[in-house]
Amino acid sequence: FSPNAYKDYEGNISKLAQTSSVTKFQTQFEKLLNKVIGISEPLLISFFITDLQADIRRELQFHRLTNLMETFAMTSAYEA
C-alpha cells in the first residue's frame, strides 16, 4: 500500500488555516483540492471561506458565492 492511501485529504482541506497571504493559502488549498474527490463545490467554498483570516472571512460571508473560482477571485480582491 502507498503511504498516500492513508492520508486524509478531505480532513486536511477542512482544517487548513490561512497563516500568510491569500495567494499562499489558495495555493495550499488547491494542492489539497487536486487530491480530494466527492466533495461538493458548495462545501469546498465553505471550507475555503471558513479557513480564511477573520477579516476577509467576514467580507466574503456577505456574498452568496456558488463558484469556487469566483470565490478565489473575490478573496484576492479583498486582500488587495
N, C-alpha and C. Protein backbone atom coordinates (compact mmCIF):
# COMPACT_ATOMS: atom_id res chain seq x y z
N PHE A 1 0.83 -1.19 0.00
CA PHE A 1 0.00 0.00 0.00
C PHE A 1 0.87 1.25 0.00
N SER A 2 0.41 2.24 -0.71
CA SER A 2 1.11 3.52 -0.75
C SER A 2 0.82 4.32 0.52
N PRO A 3 1.81 5.04 1.05
CA PRO A 3 1.55 5.88 2.24
C PRO A 3 0.46 6.92 1.98
N ASN A 4 0.34 7.36 0.73
CA ASN A 4 -0.69 8.35 0.38
C ASN A 4 -2.10 7.78 0.48
N ALA A 5 -2.22 6.46 0.44
CA ALA A 5 -3.54 5.84 0.52
C ALA A 5 -4.19 6.10 1.87
N TYR A 6 -3.40 6.41 2.87
CA TYR A 6 -3.93 6.62 4.21
C TYR A 6 -4.04 8.08 4.61
N LYS A 7 -3.66 8.99 3.72
CA LYS A 7 -3.75 10.41 4.04
C LYS A 7 -5.19 10.86 3.97
N ASP A 8 -5.57 11.67 4.92
CA ASP A 8 -6.94 12.17 5.00
C ASP A 8 -6.99 13.56 4.36
N TYR A 9 -7.00 13.59 3.02
CA TYR A 9 -7.00 14.86 2.32
C TYR A 9 -8.27 15.66 2.59
N GLU A 10 -9.39 14.97 2.71
CA GLU A 10 -10.65 15.65 2.99
C GLU A 10 -10.58 16.34 4.35
N GLY A 11 -10.06 15.64 5.34
CA GLY A 11 -9.91 16.24 6.67
C GLY A 11 -8.92 17.39 6.66
N ASN A 12 -7.83 17.22 5.91
CA ASN A 12 -6.83 18.28 5.84
C ASN A 12 -7.37 19.54 5.19
N ILE A 13 -8.16 19.39 4.13
CA ILE A 13 -8.68 20.58 3.45
C ILE A 13 -9.68 21.31 4.34
N SER A 14 -10.37 20.58 5.19
CA SER A 14 -11.34 21.23 6.08
C SER A 14 -10.67 21.90 7.28
N LYS A 15 -9.42 21.54 7.56
CA LYS A 15 -8.71 22.08 8.73
C LYS A 15 -7.61 23.07 8.36
N LEU A 16 -7.44 23.32 7.08
CA LEU A 16 -6.41 24.24 6.63
C LEU A 16 -6.69 25.63 7.21
N ALA A 17 -5.66 26.39 7.47
CA ALA A 17 -5.86 27.74 8.02
C ALA A 17 -4.93 28.72 7.31
N GLN A 18 -5.46 29.89 7.01
CA GLN A 18 -4.65 30.93 6.40
C GLN A 18 -3.72 31.52 7.45
N THR A 19 -2.42 31.40 7.23
CA THR A 19 -1.44 31.95 8.16
C THR A 19 -0.54 32.99 7.49
N SER A 20 -0.69 33.14 6.18
CA SER A 20 0.09 34.14 5.46
C SER A 20 -0.81 34.78 4.41
N SER A 21 -0.31 35.04 3.24
CA SER A 21 -1.10 35.72 2.21
C SER A 21 -2.22 34.82 1.67
N VAL A 22 -3.21 35.46 1.08
CA VAL A 22 -4.30 34.72 0.44
C VAL A 22 -3.74 33.86 -0.69
N THR A 23 -2.79 34.39 -1.43
CA THR A 23 -2.21 33.65 -2.55
C THR A 23 -1.57 32.34 -2.08
N LYS A 24 -0.80 32.40 -1.00
CA LYS A 24 -0.17 31.19 -0.47
C LYS A 24 -1.22 30.22 0.07
N PHE A 25 -2.22 30.76 0.75
CA PHE A 25 -3.29 29.91 1.28
C PHE A 25 -4.04 29.23 0.14
N GLN A 26 -4.36 29.99 -0.90
CA GLN A 26 -5.09 29.43 -2.04
C GLN A 26 -4.26 28.33 -2.70
N THR A 27 -2.97 28.52 -2.81
CA THR A 27 -2.09 27.50 -3.40
C THR A 27 -2.14 26.22 -2.58
N GLN A 28 -2.07 26.34 -1.26
CA GLN A 28 -2.17 25.15 -0.38
C GLN A 28 -3.52 24.47 -0.56
N PHE A 29 -4.58 25.28 -0.60
CA PHE A 29 -5.93 24.75 -0.75
C PHE A 29 -6.05 23.99 -2.07
N GLU A 30 -5.54 24.59 -3.15
CA GLU A 30 -5.64 23.95 -4.47
C GLU A 30 -4.85 22.65 -4.54
N LYS A 31 -3.71 22.58 -3.86
CA LYS A 31 -2.95 21.32 -3.83
C LYS A 31 -3.78 20.20 -3.21
N LEU A 32 -4.44 20.51 -2.11
CA LEU A 32 -5.30 19.50 -1.48
C LEU A 32 -6.54 19.24 -2.33
N LEU A 33 -7.06 20.28 -2.95
CA LEU A 33 -8.25 20.16 -3.79
C LEU A 33 -8.03 19.14 -4.91
N ASN A 34 -6.82 19.11 -5.43
CA ASN A 34 -6.49 18.17 -6.51
C ASN A 34 -6.44 16.72 -6.04
N LYS A 35 -6.48 16.51 -4.73
CA LYS A 35 -6.38 15.15 -4.19
C LYS A 35 -7.68 14.64 -3.57
N VAL A 36 -8.69 15.48 -3.52
CA VAL A 36 -9.95 15.05 -2.93
C VAL A 36 -10.97 14.77 -4.02
N ILE A 37 -11.87 13.85 -3.73
CA ILE A 37 -12.96 13.57 -4.66
C ILE A 37 -14.25 13.47 -3.85
N GLY A 38 -15.33 13.80 -4.51
CA GLY A 38 -16.64 13.60 -3.90
C GLY A 38 -17.10 14.68 -2.94
N ILE A 39 -16.39 15.80 -2.88
CA ILE A 39 -16.84 16.90 -2.03
C ILE A 39 -17.52 17.93 -2.92
N SER A 40 -18.72 18.32 -2.57
CA SER A 40 -19.47 19.25 -3.41
C SER A 40 -18.81 20.62 -3.43
N GLU A 41 -19.04 21.36 -4.50
CA GLU A 41 -18.47 22.70 -4.62
C GLU A 41 -18.94 23.63 -3.50
N PRO A 42 -20.23 23.63 -3.15
CA PRO A 42 -20.64 24.49 -2.02
C PRO A 42 -19.90 24.17 -0.72
N LEU A 43 -19.63 22.90 -0.46
CA LEU A 43 -18.89 22.54 0.75
C LEU A 43 -17.43 22.99 0.66
N LEU A 44 -16.83 22.86 -0.52
CA LEU A 44 -15.46 23.33 -0.71
C LEU A 44 -15.38 24.84 -0.51
N ILE A 45 -16.36 25.57 -1.01
CA ILE A 45 -16.41 27.02 -0.81
C ILE A 45 -16.51 27.33 0.68
N SER A 46 -17.34 26.59 1.37
CA SER A 46 -17.49 26.78 2.81
C SER A 46 -16.17 26.52 3.54
N PHE A 47 -15.48 25.44 3.20
CA PHE A 47 -14.18 25.14 3.80
C PHE A 47 -13.21 26.29 3.55
N PHE A 48 -13.15 26.74 2.30
CA PHE A 48 -12.20 27.79 1.93
C PHE A 48 -12.46 29.07 2.72
N ILE A 49 -13.71 29.51 2.76
CA ILE A 49 -14.05 30.75 3.45
C ILE A 49 -13.83 30.61 4.95
N THR A 50 -14.22 29.51 5.52
CA THR A 50 -14.06 29.29 6.96
C THR A 50 -12.60 29.30 7.37
N ASP A 51 -11.72 28.84 6.50
CA ASP A 51 -10.30 28.74 6.81
C ASP A 51 -9.53 30.04 6.61
N LEU A 52 -10.19 31.07 6.09
CA LEU A 52 -9.54 32.37 5.88
C LEU A 52 -9.40 33.13 7.19
N GLN A 53 -8.52 34.14 7.18
CA GLN A 53 -8.41 35.02 8.34
C GLN A 53 -9.73 35.76 8.53
N ALA A 54 -10.04 36.10 9.76
CA ALA A 54 -11.36 36.61 10.14
C ALA A 54 -11.81 37.83 9.35
N ASP A 55 -10.93 38.78 9.08
CA ASP A 55 -11.36 40.00 8.39
C ASP A 55 -11.82 39.71 6.97
N ILE A 56 -11.11 38.87 6.25
CA ILE A 56 -11.50 38.52 4.88
C ILE A 56 -12.73 37.61 4.92
N ARG A 57 -12.75 36.68 5.86
CA ARG A 57 -13.90 35.77 6.00
C ARG A 57 -15.20 36.56 6.20
N ARG A 58 -15.17 37.57 7.06
CA ARG A 58 -16.37 38.38 7.30
C ARG A 58 -16.86 39.06 6.02
N GLU A 59 -15.94 39.59 5.25
CA GLU A 59 -16.32 40.26 4.00
C GLU A 59 -16.99 39.28 3.02
N LEU A 60 -16.44 38.09 2.91
CA LEU A 60 -16.97 37.11 1.96
C LEU A 60 -18.30 36.52 2.39
N GLN A 61 -18.57 36.49 3.67
CA GLN A 61 -19.80 35.88 4.15
C GLN A 61 -21.03 36.70 3.77
N PHE A 62 -20.84 37.93 3.32
CA PHE A 62 -21.97 38.75 2.87
C PHE A 62 -22.44 38.35 1.48
N HIS A 63 -21.64 37.60 0.76
CA HIS A 63 -21.95 37.22 -0.62
C HIS A 63 -22.44 35.78 -0.67
N ARG A 64 -23.28 35.51 -1.63
CA ARG A 64 -23.75 34.14 -1.86
C ARG A 64 -22.91 33.54 -2.98
N LEU A 65 -21.74 33.09 -2.64
CA LEU A 65 -20.81 32.57 -3.64
C LEU A 65 -21.17 31.12 -3.96
N THR A 66 -21.24 30.82 -5.25
CA THR A 66 -21.63 29.48 -5.68
C THR A 66 -20.56 28.82 -6.56
N ASN A 67 -19.49 29.53 -6.83
CA ASN A 67 -18.45 29.05 -7.73
C ASN A 67 -17.10 29.23 -7.05
N LEU A 68 -16.30 28.19 -7.02
CA LEU A 68 -15.02 28.24 -6.32
C LEU A 68 -14.06 29.25 -6.97
N MET A 69 -14.04 29.31 -8.29
CA MET A 69 -13.15 30.26 -8.97
C MET A 69 -13.55 31.70 -8.65
N GLU A 70 -14.85 31.95 -8.61
CA GLU A 70 -15.35 33.28 -8.22
C GLU A 70 -14.94 33.59 -6.78
N THR A 71 -15.00 32.61 -5.92
CA THR A 71 -14.60 32.78 -4.52
C THR A 71 -13.12 33.13 -4.42
N PHE A 72 -12.28 32.43 -5.18
CA PHE A 72 -10.85 32.73 -5.19
C PHE A 72 -10.61 34.16 -5.66
N ALA A 73 -11.28 34.56 -6.73
CA ALA A 73 -11.08 35.91 -7.28
C ALA A 73 -11.51 36.98 -6.29
N MET A 74 -12.66 36.79 -5.67
CA MET A 74 -13.16 37.77 -4.72
C MET A 74 -12.25 37.85 -3.49
N THR A 75 -11.74 36.72 -3.06
CA THR A 75 -10.83 36.70 -1.92
C THR A 75 -9.57 37.50 -2.22
N SER A 76 -9.02 37.31 -3.40
CA SER A 76 -7.83 38.06 -3.79
C SER A 76 -8.11 39.55 -3.85
N ALA A 77 -9.29 39.92 -4.30
CA ALA A 77 -9.66 41.34 -4.38
C ALA A 77 -9.74 41.97 -2.99
N TYR A 78 -10.25 41.24 -2.03
CA TYR A 78 -10.35 41.78 -0.67
C TYR A 78 -8.99 41.92 -0.01
N GLU A 79 -8.05 41.07 -0.38
CA GLU A 79 -6.72 41.19 0.22
C GLU A 79 -5.96 42.38 -0.37
N ALA A 80 -6.26 42.72 -1.61
CA ALA A 80 -5.52 43.80 -2.29
C ALA A 80 -5.73 45.16 -1.67
